[in-house]
N, C-alpha and C. Protein backbone atom coordinates (compact mmCIF):
# COMPACT_ATOMS: atom_id res chain seq x y z
N MET A 1 0.00 -2.46 -14.57
CA MET A 1 -0.31 -2.81 -13.20
C MET A 1 0.77 -3.73 -12.68
N LEU A 2 1.21 -3.45 -11.48
CA LEU A 2 2.19 -4.30 -10.81
C LEU A 2 1.46 -5.07 -9.73
N ASN A 3 1.47 -6.39 -9.83
CA ASN A 3 0.75 -7.24 -8.89
C ASN A 3 1.77 -7.95 -8.02
N LEU A 4 1.73 -7.66 -6.72
CA LEU A 4 2.66 -8.28 -5.79
C LEU A 4 1.95 -9.24 -4.86
N SER A 5 0.93 -9.89 -5.37
CA SER A 5 0.14 -10.81 -4.56
C SER A 5 0.97 -12.00 -4.10
N LYS A 6 0.77 -12.34 -2.86
CA LYS A 6 1.40 -13.50 -2.22
C LYS A 6 2.91 -13.49 -2.31
N SER A 7 3.49 -12.32 -2.41
CA SER A 7 4.95 -12.23 -2.44
C SER A 7 5.50 -12.57 -1.06
N LYS A 8 6.47 -13.43 -1.01
CA LYS A 8 7.03 -13.85 0.27
C LYS A 8 8.29 -13.09 0.63
N SER A 9 8.79 -12.31 -0.27
CA SER A 9 10.06 -11.63 -0.05
C SER A 9 9.87 -10.25 0.57
N GLU A 10 10.54 -10.03 1.69
CA GLU A 10 10.52 -8.71 2.29
C GLU A 10 11.35 -7.73 1.47
N ASN A 11 12.15 -8.24 0.56
CA ASN A 11 13.00 -7.39 -0.26
C ASN A 11 12.29 -6.91 -1.52
N LEU A 12 11.01 -7.20 -1.66
CA LEU A 12 10.34 -6.85 -2.90
C LEU A 12 10.35 -5.35 -3.14
N PHE A 13 10.29 -4.55 -2.09
CA PHE A 13 10.31 -3.11 -2.29
C PHE A 13 11.67 -2.63 -2.80
N GLU A 14 12.72 -3.35 -2.48
CA GLU A 14 14.04 -3.00 -3.02
C GLU A 14 14.06 -3.28 -4.52
N LYS A 15 13.38 -4.30 -4.95
CA LYS A 15 13.36 -4.69 -6.36
C LYS A 15 12.55 -3.72 -7.21
N ILE A 16 11.63 -2.99 -6.62
CA ILE A 16 10.75 -2.14 -7.42
C ILE A 16 11.03 -0.66 -7.26
N LYS A 17 12.19 -0.32 -6.73
CA LYS A 17 12.52 1.09 -6.54
C LYS A 17 12.52 1.86 -7.86
N THR A 18 12.73 1.17 -8.94
CA THR A 18 12.77 1.85 -10.24
C THR A 18 11.41 1.86 -10.93
N ALA A 19 10.36 1.42 -10.25
CA ALA A 19 9.03 1.32 -10.85
C ALA A 19 8.29 2.66 -10.74
N LYS A 20 8.88 3.71 -11.21
CA LYS A 20 8.31 5.05 -11.08
C LYS A 20 7.10 5.28 -11.97
N ASP A 21 6.92 4.46 -13.00
CA ASP A 21 5.81 4.65 -13.93
C ASP A 21 4.59 3.79 -13.60
N VAL A 22 4.64 3.04 -12.52
CA VAL A 22 3.52 2.19 -12.14
C VAL A 22 2.35 3.07 -11.70
N THR A 23 1.16 2.82 -12.27
CA THR A 23 -0.02 3.60 -11.90
C THR A 23 -1.01 2.78 -11.07
N LYS A 24 -0.91 1.44 -11.14
CA LYS A 24 -1.77 0.57 -10.36
C LYS A 24 -0.90 -0.45 -9.64
N LEU A 25 -1.18 -0.64 -8.35
CA LEU A 25 -0.40 -1.56 -7.54
C LEU A 25 -1.35 -2.41 -6.71
N SER A 26 -1.15 -3.72 -6.72
CA SER A 26 -1.95 -4.65 -5.94
C SER A 26 -1.03 -5.48 -5.06
N ILE A 27 -1.28 -5.45 -3.76
CA ILE A 27 -0.52 -6.27 -2.81
C ILE A 27 -1.55 -7.06 -2.00
N ARG A 28 -1.50 -8.37 -2.14
CA ARG A 28 -2.44 -9.23 -1.42
C ARG A 28 -1.68 -10.22 -0.54
N TYR A 29 -2.15 -10.38 0.67
CA TYR A 29 -1.63 -11.34 1.63
C TYR A 29 -0.12 -11.25 1.83
N PRO A 30 0.40 -10.06 2.12
CA PRO A 30 1.85 -9.96 2.33
C PRO A 30 2.27 -10.72 3.58
N ASN A 31 3.42 -11.34 3.51
CA ASN A 31 3.99 -12.06 4.64
C ASN A 31 5.03 -11.21 5.35
N TYR A 32 4.83 -9.92 5.36
CA TYR A 32 5.75 -8.98 5.98
C TYR A 32 4.94 -7.79 6.46
N ASP A 33 5.55 -6.98 7.29
CA ASP A 33 4.89 -5.81 7.87
C ASP A 33 4.90 -4.66 6.87
N LEU A 34 3.74 -4.32 6.32
CA LEU A 34 3.64 -3.24 5.34
C LEU A 34 4.11 -1.90 5.91
N GLU A 35 3.80 -1.66 7.17
CA GLU A 35 4.15 -0.38 7.78
C GLU A 35 5.66 -0.16 7.78
N LYS A 36 6.41 -1.23 7.92
CA LYS A 36 7.88 -1.15 7.92
C LYS A 36 8.41 -0.57 6.60
N TYR A 37 7.67 -0.80 5.53
CA TYR A 37 8.10 -0.36 4.20
C TYR A 37 7.35 0.87 3.72
N GLY A 38 6.73 1.59 4.64
CA GLY A 38 5.95 2.78 4.30
C GLY A 38 6.64 3.75 3.36
N PRO A 39 7.86 4.18 3.66
CA PRO A 39 8.54 5.13 2.78
C PRO A 39 8.76 4.60 1.36
N SER A 40 8.79 3.28 1.20
CA SER A 40 8.99 2.70 -0.13
C SER A 40 7.82 2.99 -1.06
N PHE A 41 6.64 3.21 -0.49
CA PHE A 41 5.48 3.54 -1.32
C PHE A 41 5.69 4.87 -2.05
N LEU A 42 6.51 5.73 -1.49
CA LEU A 42 6.75 7.04 -2.10
C LEU A 42 7.54 6.93 -3.41
N ASN A 43 8.12 5.76 -3.67
CA ASN A 43 8.82 5.53 -4.95
C ASN A 43 7.84 5.47 -6.12
N PHE A 44 6.57 5.28 -5.82
CA PHE A 44 5.54 5.19 -6.85
C PHE A 44 4.94 6.57 -7.08
N GLY A 45 5.69 7.43 -7.68
CA GLY A 45 5.29 8.82 -7.88
C GLY A 45 4.10 9.02 -8.80
N LYS A 46 3.73 8.01 -9.59
CA LYS A 46 2.60 8.13 -10.52
C LYS A 46 1.45 7.21 -10.14
N LEU A 47 1.49 6.64 -8.94
CA LEU A 47 0.48 5.68 -8.52
C LEU A 47 -0.89 6.33 -8.38
N LYS A 48 -1.87 5.76 -9.08
CA LYS A 48 -3.24 6.27 -9.03
C LYS A 48 -4.17 5.34 -8.27
N SER A 49 -3.88 4.03 -8.30
CA SER A 49 -4.76 3.05 -7.68
C SER A 49 -3.93 2.05 -6.86
N LEU A 50 -4.36 1.84 -5.61
CA LEU A 50 -3.65 0.91 -4.73
C LEU A 50 -4.66 -0.03 -4.09
N PHE A 51 -4.42 -1.33 -4.23
CA PHE A 51 -5.26 -2.36 -3.64
C PHE A 51 -4.41 -3.10 -2.62
N LEU A 52 -4.84 -3.13 -1.36
CA LEU A 52 -4.13 -3.84 -0.30
C LEU A 52 -5.08 -4.81 0.37
N GLN A 53 -4.68 -6.08 0.42
CA GLN A 53 -5.48 -7.08 1.10
C GLN A 53 -4.59 -7.85 2.05
N SER A 54 -4.94 -7.80 3.31
CA SER A 54 -4.19 -8.49 4.34
C SER A 54 -4.88 -9.80 4.68
N LYS A 55 -4.17 -10.69 5.32
CA LYS A 55 -4.79 -11.92 5.79
C LYS A 55 -5.77 -11.58 6.91
N ALA A 56 -6.83 -12.35 7.03
CA ALA A 56 -7.78 -12.15 8.12
C ALA A 56 -7.05 -12.28 9.45
N ASN A 57 -7.39 -11.42 10.38
CA ASN A 57 -6.81 -11.42 11.72
C ASN A 57 -5.33 -11.09 11.75
N SER A 58 -4.82 -10.46 10.70
CA SER A 58 -3.41 -10.07 10.73
C SER A 58 -3.28 -8.73 11.45
N ILE A 59 -2.06 -8.36 11.74
CA ILE A 59 -1.82 -7.09 12.44
C ILE A 59 -1.26 -6.03 11.50
N ASN A 60 -1.38 -6.23 10.21
CA ASN A 60 -0.84 -5.27 9.25
C ASN A 60 -1.54 -3.93 9.36
N ILE A 61 -0.79 -2.87 9.17
CA ILE A 61 -1.30 -1.50 9.21
C ILE A 61 -0.92 -0.84 7.89
N ILE A 62 -1.85 -0.06 7.35
CA ILE A 62 -1.56 0.66 6.11
C ILE A 62 -0.61 1.81 6.46
N PRO A 63 0.53 1.87 5.83
CA PRO A 63 1.49 2.93 6.15
C PRO A 63 0.93 4.32 5.86
N SER A 64 1.15 5.25 6.77
CA SER A 64 0.66 6.61 6.56
C SER A 64 1.35 7.28 5.38
N ASP A 65 2.49 6.76 4.96
CA ASP A 65 3.19 7.29 3.78
C ASP A 65 2.31 7.20 2.53
N VAL A 66 1.41 6.23 2.50
CA VAL A 66 0.49 6.09 1.37
C VAL A 66 -0.32 7.38 1.21
N GLY A 67 -0.66 8.01 2.31
CA GLY A 67 -1.42 9.25 2.27
C GLY A 67 -0.66 10.42 1.66
N GLU A 68 0.64 10.28 1.50
CA GLU A 68 1.46 11.34 0.91
C GLU A 68 1.58 11.23 -0.61
N LEU A 69 1.02 10.18 -1.17
CA LEU A 69 1.07 10.00 -2.62
C LEU A 69 0.12 10.99 -3.28
N LYS A 70 0.65 11.96 -3.97
CA LYS A 70 -0.14 13.06 -4.56
C LYS A 70 -1.06 12.60 -5.67
N THR A 71 -0.70 11.55 -6.39
CA THR A 71 -1.49 11.11 -7.55
C THR A 71 -2.51 10.04 -7.20
N LEU A 72 -2.48 9.50 -5.97
CA LEU A 72 -3.37 8.41 -5.58
C LEU A 72 -4.82 8.87 -5.53
N LYS A 73 -5.67 8.21 -6.29
CA LYS A 73 -7.09 8.55 -6.35
C LYS A 73 -7.98 7.43 -5.83
N GLN A 74 -7.46 6.20 -5.81
CA GLN A 74 -8.28 5.06 -5.40
C GLN A 74 -7.46 4.18 -4.45
N LEU A 75 -8.05 3.91 -3.29
CA LEU A 75 -7.44 3.03 -2.30
C LEU A 75 -8.47 2.00 -1.89
N GLU A 76 -8.16 0.73 -2.14
CA GLU A 76 -9.03 -0.36 -1.73
C GLU A 76 -8.30 -1.16 -0.67
N ILE A 77 -8.96 -1.38 0.47
CA ILE A 77 -8.34 -2.12 1.56
C ILE A 77 -9.29 -3.21 2.05
N ILE A 78 -8.73 -4.39 2.29
CA ILE A 78 -9.51 -5.52 2.78
C ILE A 78 -8.74 -6.19 3.92
N ASN A 79 -9.47 -6.52 5.00
CA ASN A 79 -8.94 -7.24 6.16
C ASN A 79 -7.89 -6.47 6.95
N PHE A 80 -8.05 -5.18 7.03
CA PHE A 80 -7.20 -4.38 7.91
C PHE A 80 -8.06 -3.98 9.09
N SER A 81 -7.56 -4.19 10.29
CA SER A 81 -8.38 -3.91 11.46
C SER A 81 -7.76 -2.77 12.27
N TYR A 82 -8.61 -1.84 12.65
CA TYR A 82 -8.16 -0.67 13.40
C TYR A 82 -9.11 -0.39 14.55
N GLN A 83 -8.57 0.09 15.66
CA GLN A 83 -9.45 0.57 16.73
C GLN A 83 -10.03 1.92 16.32
N GLU A 84 -9.22 2.71 15.62
CA GLU A 84 -9.68 3.99 15.09
C GLU A 84 -9.19 4.10 13.65
N PHE A 85 -10.11 4.41 12.74
CA PHE A 85 -9.76 4.50 11.32
C PHE A 85 -8.75 5.62 11.11
N PRO A 86 -7.70 5.39 10.31
CA PRO A 86 -6.66 6.41 10.10
C PRO A 86 -7.22 7.72 9.55
N LYS A 87 -6.93 8.80 10.23
CA LYS A 87 -7.44 10.12 9.84
C LYS A 87 -6.90 10.57 8.49
N TRP A 88 -5.71 10.15 8.13
CA TRP A 88 -5.14 10.57 6.85
C TRP A 88 -5.98 10.03 5.68
N ILE A 89 -6.64 8.90 5.87
CA ILE A 89 -7.49 8.37 4.81
C ILE A 89 -8.76 9.20 4.70
N LEU A 90 -9.33 9.57 5.81
CA LEU A 90 -10.59 10.31 5.83
C LEU A 90 -10.47 11.70 5.26
N LYS A 91 -9.31 12.34 5.42
CA LYS A 91 -9.19 13.71 4.92
C LYS A 91 -8.51 13.80 3.56
N GLY A 92 -8.25 12.66 2.94
CA GLY A 92 -7.59 12.64 1.64
C GLY A 92 -8.56 12.92 0.50
N ASP A 93 -8.00 12.94 -0.69
CA ASP A 93 -8.78 13.19 -1.91
C ASP A 93 -9.15 11.90 -2.62
N LEU A 94 -9.10 10.78 -1.91
CA LEU A 94 -9.37 9.50 -2.53
C LEU A 94 -10.84 9.37 -2.86
N ILE A 95 -11.13 8.75 -4.00
CA ILE A 95 -12.53 8.55 -4.39
C ILE A 95 -12.80 7.05 -4.52
């Protein structure tokens, strides 16, 4: 499991480009815009479980690129606010 909780570096996705074998990823309270790094999630070709927790009242959005992860089976999200829930999550194979 790769835990990126409370990471303050926006460059963290550059550091983990070689993390192709990671199956579980946890990102809590990021101090950067997750959506900006959406394509970086595709580097996790074996990711099965993703936990994302944003700060309360933040404007973070779950990148739609996450929905393109073929191996992702579990997505846990906390403190993400939407006017309309992302359709890619609803039609996915996540359990």
